[in-house]
């Protein structure tokens, strides 16, 4: 692991390790989640993928209407993720409501369709989806593959 760290490689694959920026207090005002993500409605006009964290297969919504990546509080508990508590951290829903976040699961390893990523997740109560993958993941994809205009 030390050799991989020294080379800047992910611990689980041969890709470069890229850690998302930590959420600073000034960014907390800009945390947003879409109504699709909160209602958990699954329809043909939403992008949904299977993802794996540790030993669990999870159902994820990919939605550019979300500023960050989110994990359901239930899934984070099932996985036993380490959560960094953030007092007063809340997320704005598209309808104007605010949802309190338990905190952040930093540098969490996730596999999506055979690709490994290290991302930060905000822990919130979700129904319908285990994960919501937002602009932060799309920025990582752009960094690796240069395919999006963000």
N, C-alpha and C. Protein backbone atom coordinates (compact mmCIF):
# COMPACT_ATOMS: atom_id res chain seq x y z
N UNK A 1 0.82 -1.19 0.00
CA UNK A 1 0.00 0.00 0.00
C UNK A 1 0.86 1.26 0.00
N UNK A 2 1.96 1.22 0.73
CA UNK A 2 2.84 2.39 0.77
C UNK A 2 3.43 2.69 -0.60
N UNK A 3 3.79 1.63 -1.35
CA UNK A 3 4.34 1.82 -2.69
C UNK A 3 3.29 2.43 -3.62
N UNK A 4 2.06 1.95 -3.50
CA UNK A 4 0.98 2.48 -4.34
C UNK A 4 0.71 3.94 -3.99
N UNK A 5 0.75 4.24 -2.69
CA UNK A 5 0.52 5.62 -2.24
C UNK A 5 1.63 6.53 -2.76
N UNK A 6 2.87 6.06 -2.70
CA UNK A 6 4.01 6.85 -3.18
C UNK A 6 3.91 7.13 -4.68
N UNK A 7 3.35 6.18 -5.43
CA UNK A 7 3.19 6.36 -6.88
C UNK A 7 1.92 7.12 -7.24
N UNK A 8 1.09 7.42 -6.23
CA UNK A 8 -0.15 8.15 -6.48
C UNK A 8 -1.24 7.29 -7.09
N UNK A 9 -1.18 5.96 -6.85
CA UNK A 9 -2.17 5.04 -7.41
C UNK A 9 -3.25 4.72 -6.40
N UNK A 10 -4.42 4.38 -6.93
CA UNK A 10 -5.51 3.90 -6.09
C UNK A 10 -5.08 2.61 -5.41
N UNK A 11 -5.54 2.35 -4.20
CA UNK A 11 -5.17 1.14 -3.48
C UNK A 11 -5.76 -0.12 -4.11
N UNK A 12 -6.85 0.04 -4.88
CA UNK A 12 -7.57 -1.12 -5.40
C UNK A 12 -7.46 -1.33 -6.90
N UNK A 13 -6.86 -0.39 -7.64
CA UNK A 13 -6.72 -0.54 -9.08
C UNK A 13 -5.48 0.24 -9.52
N UNK A 14 -5.20 0.25 -10.82
CA UNK A 14 -4.00 0.92 -11.31
C UNK A 14 -4.27 2.35 -11.78
N UNK A 15 -5.44 2.89 -11.48
CA UNK A 15 -5.75 4.28 -11.84
C UNK A 15 -5.09 5.24 -10.86
N UNK A 16 -4.89 6.48 -11.32
CA UNK A 16 -4.38 7.52 -10.43
C UNK A 16 -5.40 7.79 -9.35
N UNK A 17 -4.93 7.96 -8.13
CA UNK A 17 -5.81 8.29 -7.01
C UNK A 17 -6.13 9.78 -7.08
N UNK A 18 -7.41 10.10 -7.05
CA UNK A 18 -7.86 11.49 -7.04
C UNK A 18 -8.87 11.61 -5.92
N UNK A 19 -8.59 12.46 -4.95
CA UNK A 19 -9.53 12.66 -3.85
C UNK A 19 -10.32 13.92 -4.12
N UNK A 20 -11.62 13.82 -3.92
CA UNK A 20 -12.46 15.01 -4.07
C UNK A 20 -12.09 16.02 -2.99
N UNK A 21 -12.34 17.28 -3.32
CA UNK A 21 -12.08 18.33 -2.34
C UNK A 21 -13.03 18.16 -1.17
N UNK A 22 -12.52 18.40 0.04
CA UNK A 22 -13.38 18.34 1.22
C UNK A 22 -14.38 19.48 1.16
N UNK A 23 -15.53 19.27 1.73
CA UNK A 23 -16.57 20.29 1.72
C UNK A 23 -16.23 21.33 2.79
N UNK A 24 -15.99 22.51 2.33
CA UNK A 24 -15.66 23.59 3.26
C UNK A 24 -16.94 24.25 3.72
N UNK A 25 -16.85 24.96 4.83
CA UNK A 25 -18.04 25.62 5.37
C UNK A 25 -18.67 26.57 4.37
N UNK A 26 -17.85 27.24 3.54
CA UNK A 26 -18.41 28.17 2.56
C UNK A 26 -19.20 27.44 1.49
N UNK A 27 -18.87 26.18 1.21
CA UNK A 27 -19.59 25.41 0.20
C UNK A 27 -20.90 24.86 0.73
N UNK A 28 -21.09 24.83 2.03
CA UNK A 28 -22.27 24.21 2.59
C UNK A 28 -23.55 24.88 2.12
N UNK A 29 -23.49 26.15 1.79
CA UNK A 29 -24.68 26.84 1.31
C UNK A 29 -25.10 26.32 -0.06
N UNK A 30 -24.16 25.74 -0.82
CA UNK A 30 -24.41 25.34 -2.19
C UNK A 30 -24.76 23.87 -2.36
N UNK A 31 -24.99 23.14 -1.28
CA UNK A 31 -25.32 21.72 -1.37
C UNK A 31 -26.75 21.56 -1.82
N UNK A 32 -26.95 20.92 -3.00
CA UNK A 32 -28.29 20.78 -3.54
C UNK A 32 -28.53 19.36 -4.02
N UNK A 33 -29.79 18.93 -3.87
CA UNK A 33 -30.20 17.61 -4.36
C UNK A 33 -31.51 17.78 -5.12
N UNK A 34 -31.68 17.01 -6.17
CA UNK A 34 -32.86 17.12 -7.03
C UNK A 34 -34.08 16.46 -6.38
N UNK A 35 -35.23 16.83 -6.88
CA UNK A 35 -36.48 16.24 -6.39
C UNK A 35 -36.56 14.77 -6.80
N UNK A 36 -36.04 14.42 -7.99
CA UNK A 36 -35.99 13.01 -8.43
C UNK A 36 -35.26 12.17 -7.39
N UNK A 37 -34.13 12.69 -6.91
CA UNK A 37 -33.32 11.94 -5.96
C UNK A 37 -34.04 11.76 -4.63
N UNK A 38 -34.74 12.78 -4.18
CA UNK A 38 -35.40 12.71 -2.88
C UNK A 38 -36.66 11.85 -2.90
N UNK A 39 -37.40 11.90 -4.00
CA UNK A 39 -38.64 11.14 -4.05
C UNK A 39 -38.39 9.67 -4.35
N UNK A 40 -37.24 9.37 -4.95
CA UNK A 40 -36.91 7.98 -5.25
C UNK A 40 -37.71 7.40 -6.40
N UNK A 41 -38.32 8.28 -7.20
CA UNK A 41 -39.10 7.80 -8.35
C UNK A 41 -38.17 7.25 -9.42
N UNK A 42 -38.43 6.03 -9.81
CA UNK A 42 -37.63 5.38 -10.85
C UNK A 42 -38.42 5.41 -12.14
N UNK A 43 -37.89 6.08 -13.13
CA UNK A 43 -38.57 6.15 -14.42
C UNK A 43 -37.56 5.96 -15.53
N UNK A 44 -38.07 5.78 -16.74
CA UNK A 44 -37.18 5.52 -17.88
C UNK A 44 -36.38 6.74 -18.28
N UNK A 45 -36.75 7.92 -17.82
CA UNK A 45 -36.01 9.11 -18.21
C UNK A 45 -34.97 9.53 -17.15
N UNK A 46 -34.62 8.62 -16.26
CA UNK A 46 -33.53 8.88 -15.30
C UNK A 46 -32.42 7.87 -15.54
N UNK A 47 -31.20 8.26 -15.26
CA UNK A 47 -30.05 7.38 -15.43
C UNK A 47 -29.78 6.68 -14.11
N UNK A 48 -29.87 5.35 -14.15
CA UNK A 48 -29.69 4.55 -12.94
C UNK A 48 -28.62 3.49 -13.21
N UNK A 49 -27.77 3.25 -12.23
CA UNK A 49 -26.69 2.26 -12.37
C UNK A 49 -26.58 1.44 -11.09
N UNK A 50 -25.98 0.28 -11.23
CA UNK A 50 -25.62 -0.54 -10.08
C UNK A 50 -24.21 -0.14 -9.67
N UNK A 51 -23.98 -0.01 -8.39
CA UNK A 51 -22.66 0.32 -7.88
C UNK A 51 -22.35 -0.63 -6.73
N UNK A 52 -21.08 -0.81 -6.47
CA UNK A 52 -20.70 -1.68 -5.36
C UNK A 52 -19.80 -0.91 -4.41
N UNK A 53 -20.15 -0.97 -3.13
CA UNK A 53 -19.32 -0.44 -2.06
C UNK A 53 -19.08 -1.60 -1.12
N UNK A 54 -17.81 -1.88 -0.88
CA UNK A 54 -17.43 -3.02 -0.06
C UNK A 54 -18.11 -4.27 -0.59
N UNK A 55 -18.97 -4.88 0.16
CA UNK A 55 -19.61 -6.14 -0.23
C UNK A 55 -21.04 -5.95 -0.73
N UNK A 56 -21.56 -4.73 -0.72
CA UNK A 56 -22.97 -4.51 -1.07
C UNK A 56 -23.16 -3.98 -2.48
N UNK A 57 -24.13 -4.55 -3.20
CA UNK A 57 -24.58 -3.99 -4.46
C UNK A 57 -25.61 -2.92 -4.13
N UNK A 58 -25.43 -1.73 -4.66
CA UNK A 58 -26.32 -0.61 -4.36
C UNK A 58 -26.93 -0.05 -5.63
N UNK A 59 -28.10 0.55 -5.48
CA UNK A 59 -28.81 1.15 -6.59
C UNK A 59 -28.55 2.65 -6.57
N UNK A 60 -28.06 3.19 -7.70
CA UNK A 60 -27.67 4.60 -7.73
C UNK A 60 -28.39 5.36 -8.83
N UNK A 61 -28.72 6.59 -8.53
CA UNK A 61 -29.25 7.54 -9.50
C UNK A 61 -28.10 8.45 -9.90
N UNK A 62 -27.87 8.61 -11.19
CA UNK A 62 -26.87 9.57 -11.69
C UNK A 62 -27.66 10.78 -12.16
N UNK A 63 -27.39 11.93 -11.56
CA UNK A 63 -28.23 13.10 -11.81
C UNK A 63 -27.39 14.37 -11.68
N UNK A 64 -27.26 15.09 -12.78
CA UNK A 64 -26.46 16.32 -12.77
C UNK A 64 -27.16 17.45 -12.03
N UNK A 65 -28.39 17.22 -11.56
CA UNK A 65 -29.09 18.21 -10.75
C UNK A 65 -28.66 18.18 -9.29
N UNK A 66 -27.65 17.37 -8.99
CA UNK A 66 -27.13 17.27 -7.62
C UNK A 66 -25.71 17.79 -7.59
N UNK A 67 -25.41 18.63 -6.63
CA UNK A 67 -24.08 19.23 -6.57
C UNK A 67 -23.02 18.25 -6.10
N UNK A 68 -23.41 17.28 -5.29
CA UNK A 68 -22.45 16.36 -4.67
C UNK A 68 -22.95 14.93 -4.79
N UNK A 69 -22.22 14.01 -4.19
CA UNK A 69 -22.62 12.61 -4.13
C UNK A 69 -23.23 12.35 -2.76
N UNK A 70 -24.32 11.58 -2.74
CA UNK A 70 -25.04 11.32 -1.51
C UNK A 70 -25.20 9.82 -1.31
N UNK A 71 -25.21 9.39 -0.07
CA UNK A 71 -25.48 8.00 0.28
C UNK A 71 -26.58 8.00 1.33
N UNK A 72 -27.46 7.02 1.24
CA UNK A 72 -28.54 6.96 2.22
C UNK A 72 -27.97 6.62 3.59
N UNK A 73 -28.59 7.15 4.59
CA UNK A 73 -28.15 6.89 5.96
C UNK A 73 -28.21 5.39 6.25
N UNK A 74 -29.26 4.72 5.76
CA UNK A 74 -29.40 3.28 5.97
C UNK A 74 -28.24 2.50 5.33
N UNK A 75 -27.88 2.83 4.09
CA UNK A 75 -26.78 2.14 3.41
C UNK A 75 -25.46 2.40 4.13
N UNK A 76 -25.25 3.62 4.59
CA UNK A 76 -23.99 3.93 5.30
C UNK A 76 -23.88 3.13 6.59
N UNK A 77 -25.02 2.93 7.27
CA UNK A 77 -25.01 2.13 8.49
C UNK A 77 -24.76 0.65 8.18
N UNK A 78 -25.40 0.13 7.12
CA UNK A 78 -25.19 -1.26 6.72
C UNK A 78 -23.73 -1.52 6.34
N UNK A 79 -23.08 -0.54 5.74
CA UNK A 79 -21.69 -0.68 5.31
C UNK A 79 -20.70 -0.40 6.44
N UNK A 80 -21.17 0.20 7.51
CA UNK A 80 -20.29 0.56 8.62
C UNK A 80 -19.28 1.63 8.24
N UNK A 81 -19.71 2.58 7.40
CA UNK A 81 -18.82 3.64 6.95
C UNK A 81 -18.44 4.58 8.10
N UNK A 82 -17.24 5.08 8.04
CA UNK A 82 -16.79 6.08 9.00
C UNK A 82 -17.35 7.42 8.54
N UNK A 83 -18.10 8.06 9.42
CA UNK A 83 -18.75 9.32 9.09
C UNK A 83 -18.11 10.46 9.89
N UNK A 84 -17.67 11.48 9.17
CA UNK A 84 -17.18 12.69 9.84
C UNK A 84 -18.39 13.59 10.05
N UNK A 85 -18.75 13.75 11.31
CA UNK A 85 -19.92 14.57 11.62
C UNK A 85 -19.64 16.02 11.29
N UNK A 86 -20.64 16.68 10.75
CA UNK A 86 -20.57 18.10 10.39
C UNK A 86 -21.79 18.78 11.01
N UNK A 87 -21.58 19.53 12.07
CA UNK A 87 -22.68 20.21 12.75
C UNK A 87 -23.30 21.24 11.81
N UNK A 88 -24.62 21.20 11.70
CA UNK A 88 -25.34 22.19 10.91
C UNK A 88 -25.29 21.98 9.41
N UNK A 89 -24.78 20.85 8.96
CA UNK A 89 -24.70 20.58 7.52
C UNK A 89 -26.08 20.22 6.99
N UNK A 90 -26.55 20.97 6.00
CA UNK A 90 -27.86 20.67 5.42
C UNK A 90 -27.79 20.78 3.91
N UNK A 91 -28.74 20.13 3.27
CA UNK A 91 -28.80 20.05 1.82
C UNK A 91 -30.12 20.66 1.38
N UNK A 92 -30.08 21.51 0.36
CA UNK A 92 -31.30 22.11 -0.18
C UNK A 92 -31.90 21.20 -1.23
N UNK A 93 -33.19 20.94 -1.10
CA UNK A 93 -33.93 20.15 -2.08
C UNK A 93 -34.48 21.13 -3.11
N UNK A 94 -34.68 20.64 -4.34
CA UNK A 94 -35.15 21.50 -5.43
C UNK A 94 -36.48 22.20 -5.12
N UNK A 95 -37.30 21.64 -4.22
CA UNK A 95 -38.58 22.26 -3.88
C UNK A 95 -38.45 23.31 -2.78
N UNK A 96 -37.22 23.59 -2.33
CA UNK A 96 -36.98 24.61 -1.32
C UNK A 96 -36.81 24.07 0.09
N UNK A 97 -37.12 22.81 0.31
CA UNK A 97 -36.95 22.21 1.65
C UNK A 97 -35.47 22.01 1.96
N UNK A 98 -35.16 21.87 3.22
CA UNK A 98 -33.79 21.59 3.67
C UNK A 98 -33.78 20.25 4.39
N UNK A 99 -32.72 19.46 4.16
CA UNK A 99 -32.56 18.17 4.80
C UNK A 99 -31.26 18.19 5.57
N UNK A 100 -31.30 17.77 6.82
CA UNK A 100 -30.09 17.70 7.63
C UNK A 100 -29.26 16.50 7.19
N UNK A 101 -27.94 16.71 7.13
CA UNK A 101 -27.01 15.63 6.81
C UNK A 101 -26.34 15.18 8.09
N UNK A 102 -26.15 13.86 8.20
CA UNK A 102 -25.45 13.30 9.36
C UNK A 102 -23.98 13.69 9.32
N UNK A 103 -23.43 13.79 8.11
CA UNK A 103 -22.02 14.14 7.95
C UNK A 103 -21.51 13.65 6.62
N UNK A 104 -20.20 13.43 6.55
CA UNK A 104 -19.54 13.08 5.31
C UNK A 104 -18.78 11.76 5.48
N UNK A 105 -18.90 10.89 4.49
CA UNK A 105 -18.08 9.70 4.42
C UNK A 105 -16.97 10.01 3.41
N UNK A 106 -15.79 10.39 3.89
CA UNK A 106 -14.74 10.85 2.97
C UNK A 106 -14.00 9.69 2.31
N UNK A 107 -13.49 9.96 1.13
CA UNK A 107 -12.61 9.03 0.40
C UNK A 107 -13.14 7.60 0.41
N UNK A 108 -14.38 7.44 -0.05
CA UNK A 108 -15.04 6.15 -0.07
C UNK A 108 -14.83 5.48 -1.43
N UNK A 109 -14.38 4.25 -1.42
CA UNK A 109 -14.13 3.50 -2.65
C UNK A 109 -15.44 2.96 -3.20
N UNK A 110 -15.70 3.24 -4.48
CA UNK A 110 -16.91 2.77 -5.15
C UNK A 110 -16.55 2.20 -6.50
N UNK A 111 -17.21 1.11 -6.88
CA UNK A 111 -17.04 0.50 -8.21
C UNK A 111 -18.33 0.67 -8.99
N UNK A 112 -18.21 1.21 -10.20
CA UNK A 112 -19.35 1.39 -11.08
C UNK A 112 -18.99 0.81 -12.44
N UNK A 113 -19.70 -0.23 -12.84
CA UNK A 113 -19.48 -0.84 -14.15
C UNK A 113 -18.00 -1.15 -14.42
N UNK A 114 -17.32 -1.68 -13.41
CA UNK A 114 -15.93 -2.08 -13.58
C UNK A 114 -14.92 -0.96 -13.43
N UNK A 115 -15.36 0.24 -13.11
CA UNK A 115 -14.47 1.37 -12.90
C UNK A 115 -14.47 1.73 -11.43
N UNK A 116 -13.29 1.98 -10.88
CA UNK A 116 -13.15 2.30 -9.45
C UNK A 116 -12.94 3.80 -9.26
N UNK A 117 -13.60 4.32 -8.25
CA UNK A 117 -13.47 5.73 -7.92
C UNK A 117 -13.35 5.88 -6.41
N UNK A 118 -12.73 6.97 -6.00
CA UNK A 118 -12.68 7.36 -4.59
C UNK A 118 -13.45 8.68 -4.50
N UNK A 119 -14.57 8.66 -3.80
CA UNK A 119 -15.42 9.85 -3.72
C UNK A 119 -15.84 10.13 -2.28
N UNK A 120 -16.26 11.34 -2.05
CA UNK A 120 -16.85 11.72 -0.77
C UNK A 120 -18.37 11.62 -0.91
N UNK A 121 -19.03 11.11 0.12
CA UNK A 121 -20.48 11.03 0.14
C UNK A 121 -21.02 11.84 1.31
N UNK A 122 -22.06 12.61 1.06
CA UNK A 122 -22.81 13.22 2.15
C UNK A 122 -23.88 12.22 2.55
N UNK A 123 -24.03 12.01 3.85
CA UNK A 123 -24.98 11.03 4.36
C UNK A 123 -26.29 11.75 4.69
N UNK A 124 -27.36 11.31 4.00
CA UNK A 124 -28.68 11.89 4.23
C UNK A 124 -29.73 10.78 4.17
N UNK A 125 -30.91 11.03 4.72
CA UNK A 125 -31.98 10.04 4.58
C UNK A 125 -32.49 10.07 3.13
N UNK A 126 -32.42 8.94 2.45
CA UNK A 126 -32.92 8.82 1.09
C UNK A 126 -33.92 7.68 1.03
N UNK A 127 -34.88 7.78 0.14
CA UNK A 127 -35.77 6.64 -0.11
C UNK A 127 -35.78 6.38 -1.60
N UNK A 128 -35.72 5.13 -1.97
CA UNK A 128 -35.76 4.76 -3.37
C UNK A 128 -34.40 4.51 -3.99
N UNK A 129 -33.38 5.20 -3.54
CA UNK A 129 -32.02 5.02 -4.04
C UNK A 129 -31.08 4.88 -2.86
N UNK A 130 -30.05 4.05 -3.05
CA UNK A 130 -29.00 3.94 -2.03
C UNK A 130 -28.00 5.06 -2.17
N UNK A 131 -27.75 5.44 -3.44
CA UNK A 131 -26.76 6.46 -3.76
C UNK A 131 -27.35 7.44 -4.76
N UNK A 132 -26.90 8.67 -4.67
CA UNK A 132 -27.19 9.67 -5.69
C UNK A 132 -25.84 10.23 -6.09
N UNK A 133 -25.52 10.07 -7.37
CA UNK A 133 -24.23 10.51 -7.89
C UNK A 133 -24.45 11.79 -8.69
N UNK A 134 -23.78 12.85 -8.26
CA UNK A 134 -24.01 14.15 -8.86
C UNK A 134 -22.82 14.69 -9.63
N UNK A 135 -22.77 16.01 -9.70
CA UNK A 135 -21.76 16.71 -10.49
C UNK A 135 -20.34 16.36 -10.04
N UNK A 136 -20.13 16.11 -8.76
CA UNK A 136 -18.78 15.76 -8.29
C UNK A 136 -18.25 14.50 -8.98
N UNK A 137 -19.11 13.50 -9.18
CA UNK A 137 -18.67 12.29 -9.89
C UNK A 137 -18.46 12.60 -11.37
N UNK A 138 -19.34 13.39 -11.96
CA UNK A 138 -19.18 13.75 -13.37
C UNK A 138 -17.88 14.53 -13.58
N UNK A 139 -17.48 15.36 -12.63
CA UNK A 139 -16.20 16.07 -12.72
C UNK A 139 -15.04 15.09 -12.69
N UNK A 140 -15.14 14.03 -11.87
CA UNK A 140 -14.10 13.00 -11.84
C UNK A 140 -14.01 12.29 -13.18
N UNK A 141 -15.16 11.95 -13.76
CA UNK A 141 -15.17 11.31 -15.07
C UNK A 141 -14.53 12.20 -16.12
N UNK A 142 -14.82 13.48 -16.06
CA UNK A 142 -14.23 14.42 -17.00
C UNK A 142 -12.72 14.50 -16.80
N UNK A 143 -12.26 14.47 -15.55
CA UNK A 143 -10.84 14.51 -15.26
C UNK A 143 -10.13 13.31 -15.88
N UNK A 144 -10.73 12.12 -15.75
CA UNK A 144 -10.13 10.90 -16.29
C UNK A 144 -10.26 10.78 -17.80
N UNK A 145 -11.42 11.14 -18.32
CA UNK A 145 -11.72 10.85 -19.72
C UNK A 145 -11.90 12.08 -20.60
N UNK A 146 -12.09 13.27 -20.01
CA UNK A 146 -12.22 14.50 -20.77
C UNK A 146 -13.40 14.51 -21.73
N UNK A 147 -14.55 13.97 -21.32
CA UNK A 147 -15.66 13.82 -22.25
C UNK A 147 -16.82 14.78 -22.00
N UNK A 148 -16.82 15.48 -20.88
CA UNK A 148 -17.93 16.36 -20.56
C UNK A 148 -17.53 17.81 -20.68
N UNK A 149 -18.50 18.65 -20.88
CA UNK A 149 -18.30 20.09 -20.83
C UNK A 149 -19.02 20.60 -19.60
N UNK A 150 -18.30 20.67 -18.49
CA UNK A 150 -18.93 21.08 -17.22
C UNK A 150 -18.66 22.52 -16.94
